[in-house]
C-alpha atoms as a PDB file:
ATOM      1  CA  MET A   1       0.000   0.000   0.000  1.00  0.00           C
ATOM      2  CA  THR A   2       1.235   3.456  -0.928  1.00  0.00           C
ATOM      3  CA  PRO A   3      -0.788   6.141   0.893  1.00  0.00           C
ATOM      4  CA  THR A   4      -0.897   9.380  -1.098  1.00  0.00           C
ATOM      5  CA  ASP A   5      -2.736  12.665  -0.665  1.00  0.00           C
ATOM      6  CA  VAL A   6      -3.920  14.924  -3.445  1.00  0.00           C
ATOM      7  CA  LEU A   7      -5.585  18.332  -3.153  1.00  0.00           C
ATOM      8  CA  PHE A   8      -7.960  19.773  -5.755  1.00  0.00           C
ATOM      9  CA  ARG A   9      -9.589  23.198  -6.067  1.00  0.00           C
ATOM     10  CA  TYR A  10     -13.133  23.400  -7.376  1.00  0.00           C
ATOM     11  CA  ALA A  11     -15.140  26.280  -8.870  1.00  0.00           C
ATOM     12  CA  GLU A  12     -18.602  26.297  -7.337  1.00  0.00           C
ATOM     13  CA  HIS A  13     -19.833  25.099  -3.975  1.00  0.00           C
ATOM     14  CA  PRO A  14     -21.100  21.526  -4.257  1.00  0.00           C
ATOM     15  CA  THR A  15     -24.828  20.906  -4.290  1.00  0.00           C
ATOM     16  CA  GLU A  16     -26.478  18.552  -1.833  1.00  0.00           C
ATOM     17  CA  ARG A  17     -26.572  15.881  -4.525  1.00  0.00           C
ATOM     18  CA  THR A  18     -22.838  16.297  -5.176  1.00  0.00           C
ATOM     19  CA  MET A  19     -22.073  16.111  -1.451  1.00  0.00           C
ATOM     20  CA  MET A  20     -24.020  12.853  -1.196  1.00  0.00           C
ATOM     21  CA  ALA A  21     -22.085  11.474  -4.181  1.00  0.00           C
ATOM     22  CA  LEU A  22     -18.788  12.579  -2.602  1.00  0.00           C
ATOM     23  CA  ASN A  23     -19.770  10.691   0.527  1.00  0.00           C
ATOM     24  CA  THR A  24     -20.066   7.459  -1.460  1.00  0.00           C
ATOM     25  CA  LEU A  25     -16.479   7.818  -2.758  1.00  0.00           C
ATOM     26  CA  SER A  26     -15.244   6.436   0.551  1.00  0.00           C
ATOM     27  CA  GLU A  27     -16.713   3.109  -0.585  1.00  0.00           C
ATOM     28  CA  VAL A  28     -14.435   3.014  -3.648  1.00  0.00           C
ATOM     29  CA  TYR A  29     -11.614   0.523  -3.145  1.00  0.00           C
ATOM     30  CA  GLY A  30      -8.412   2.538  -2.768  1.00  0.00           C
ATOM     31  CA  ILE A  31      -9.972   5.765  -1.436  1.00  0.00           C
ATOM     32  CA  ARG A  32      -9.000   6.042   2.230  1.00  0.00           C
ATOM     33  CA  ALA A  33     -10.350   9.478   3.208  1.00  0.00           C
ATOM     34  CA  LEU A  34     -11.959  12.547   1.686  1.00  0.00           C
ATOM     35  CA  ARG A  35     -12.090  16.021   3.247  1.00  0.00           C
ATOM     36  CA  VAL A  36     -13.983  18.973   1.780  1.00  0.00           C
ATOM     37  CA  ASN A  37     -12.990  22.515   2.767  1.00  0.00           C
ATOM     38  CA  GLU A  38     -15.878  24.644   1.541  1.00  0.00           C
ATOM     39  CA  ALA A  39     -14.304  27.916   2.733  1.00  0.00           C
ATOM     40  CA  GLU A  40     -11.224  27.351   0.542  1.00  0.00           C
ATOM     41  CA  LYS A  41     -13.168  25.481  -2.188  1.00  0.00           C
ATOM     42  CA  GLN A  42     -10.793  22.543  -1.900  1.00  0.00           C
ATOM     43  CA  VAL A  43     -11.130  18.784  -1.546  1.00  0.00           C
ATOM     44  CA  ARG A  44      -8.328  16.604  -0.219  1.00  0.00           C
ATOM     45  CA  VAL A  45      -8.326  12.901  -1.021  1.00  0.00           C
ATOM     46  CA  GLU A  46      -6.153  10.287   0.644  1.00  0.00           C
ATOM     47  CA  PHE A  47      -5.842   7.225  -1.581  1.00  0.00           C
ATOM     48  CA  ASP A  48      -3.759   4.128  -2.191  1.00  0.00           C
ATOM     49  CA  ALA A  49      -1.440   4.922  -5.100  1.00  0.00           C
ATOM     50  CA  SER A  50      -0.853   1.214  -5.715  1.00  0.00           C
ATOM     51  CA  ARG A  51      -4.552   0.925  -6.622  1.00  0.00           C
ATOM     52  CA  MET A  52      -5.208   4.151  -8.563  1.00  0.00           C
ATOM     53  CA  THR A  53      -3.623   7.352  -9.868  1.00  0.00           C
ATOM     54  CA  ARG A  54      -4.286  11.049  -9.327  1.00  0.00           C
ATOM     55  CA  ILE A  55      -5.977  11.141 -12.736  1.00  0.00           C
ATOM     56  CA  ILE A  56      -8.453   8.454 -11.678  1.00  0.00           C
ATOM     57  CA  VAL A  57      -9.160  10.315  -8.421  1.00  0.00           C
ATOM     58  CA  ARG A  58      -9.827  13.493 -10.401  1.00  0.00           C
ATOM     59  CA  GLN A  59     -12.188  11.624 -12.750  1.00  0.00           C
ATOM     60  CA  LEU A  60     -14.056  10.133  -9.785  1.00  0.00           C
ATOM     61  CA  LEU A  61     -14.497  13.598  -8.286  1.00  0.00           C
ATOM     62  CA  ARG A  62     -15.785  15.002 -11.577  1.00  0.00           C
ATOM     63  CA  ARG A  63     -18.275  12.116 -11.885  1.00  0.00           C
ATOM     64  CA  THR A  64     -19.829  13.186  -8.579  1.00  0.00           C
ATOM     65  CA  GLY A  65     -20.645  16.545 -10.170  1.00  0.00           C
ATOM     66  CA  LEU A  66     -17.813  18.473  -8.531  1.00  0.00           C
ATOM     67  CA  ASP A  67     -16.397  21.136 -10.861  1.00  0.00           C
ATOM     68  CA  VAL A  68     -12.680  20.395 -10.370  1.00  0.00           C
ATOM     69  CA  ILE A  69     -10.502  23.230 -11.673  1.00  0.00           C
ATOM     70  CA  GLU A  70      -6.957  22.238 -10.783  1.00  0.00           C
ATOM     71  CA  GLU A  71      -4.693  20.164  -8.617  1.00  0.00           C
ATOM     72  CA  VAL A  72      -3.064  22.181  -5.836  1.00  0.00           C
ATOM     73  CA  SER A  73       0.454  21.419  -4.651  1.00  0.00           C
ATOM     74  CA  LEU A  74       0.659  20.158  -1.083  1.00  0.00           C
ATOM     75  CA  ILE A  75       4.235  21.441  -0.843  1.00  0.00           C
ATOM     76  CA  PRO A  76       4.284  25.123   0.131  1.00  0.00           C
ATOM     77  CA  PRO A  77       6.296  27.479  -2.074  1.00  0.00           C
ATOM     78  CA  GLN A  78       9.905  27.672  -0.972  1.00  0.00           C
ATOM     79  CA  PRO A  79      11.513  31.045  -0.218  1.00  0.00           C
ATOM     80  CA  ALA A  80      13.922  32.390  -2.785  1.00  0.00           C
ATOM     81  CA  PRO A  81      17.580  31.758  -1.983  1.00  0.00           C
ATOM     82  CA  PRO A  82      19.341  34.796  -0.537  1.00  0.00           C
ATOM     83  CA  ALA A  83      21.333  36.916  -2.957  1.00  0.00           C
ATOM     84  CA  PRO A  84      25.076  36.355  -2.713  1.00  0.00           C
ATOM     85  CA  ALA A  85      26.822  39.000  -0.641  1.00  0.00           C
ATOM     86  CA  HIS A  86      28.877  41.373  -2.754  1.00  0.00           C
ATOM     87  CA  THR A  87      32.462  41.398  -1.568  1.00  0.00           C
ATOM     88  CA  PRO A  88      34.784  43.969  -3.030  1.00  0.00           C
ATOM     89  CA  ALA A  89      37.961  42.762  -4.683  1.00  0.00           C
ATOM     90  CA  PRO A  90      41.100  43.129  -2.557  1.00  0.00           C
ATOM     91  CA  VAL A  91      43.181  46.196  -3.334  1.00  0.00           C
ATOM     92  CA  LYS A  92      46.861  45.643  -4.263  1.00  0.00           C
END
């Protein structure tokens, strides 16, 4: 088993029908957990990567009626490396 998380952003708030369909995704073999963050318009899915891929997870979400826009990186952006300090050349 290879547990993997994927985060998707969606466009419109899910309808009651879509929420009920999302609830049934936990019955799909390989889906371990599903969390919807309505404030951020995001859904996070924990799945077994040895059973399915991110593409399949995205397709399953779209079949529920969820308007998936994009996959969001779970790794936060890294700060830019500091600029090298300018050292003057030694005077001879």
